[in-house]
Amino acid sequence: RNLICSYCNVIQPPRAKHCHDCDRCVLQFDHHCVWLGTCVGQGNHCLFWWYICEEAALCLWTCFLYTGYLAFNASKTWLEAVIIIVVLIALSISLIFLLLLLLFHSYLVMTNQTTYEIVRRRRIWYMR
C-alpha cells in the first residue's frame, strides 16, 4: 500500500518517510543525523555504519596515544597531566557510546530494520 507524502506530493513506498529537517522523503528512513546534517537511509546507511566504526577506532587510537604520552613523559606539569586524564575520561565515555551505537546499528543491519521502525513500531502501518 503506497501512500502519498503530504509534504512532497510524491508516492511514498513502504519504509519511506518524510524528513522535516531535510524537507524530502527518504527511502528506508533510519534517522536524521544532526552530527552529519543529513538523513541516514537506504542510500547511505552502510556509509553511516563505517563512519561510526571509524569514529570508534579513532577514539580508541587517541586513547592509546594520550595514555602513552602520559606514561612516558615525566617532564610534564601536574596541570598537563590533569588535562590529559580529563581528556582520557571523556574519550573513554565517547568510546563506550560509539561502541554501543555500532552494536545497535549492526543489529539493525542484520535484522533489516531501521531506528525509526524500532522506535515507532506501533504507529507504522506495515509493522502492525
Foldseek 3Di string as FASTA:
>chain_A
DWDADPQPRHTADPLWDADPQVRGIAHNWFAQDPVVRGTDGDVCLVVVLVVLVVLLVVLVVVLVVLVVCLVPDPPDDPVVNVVSVVSNVVSVVVNVVSVVVSVVSVVCVVVVHHNCCVVCQVPRPVND
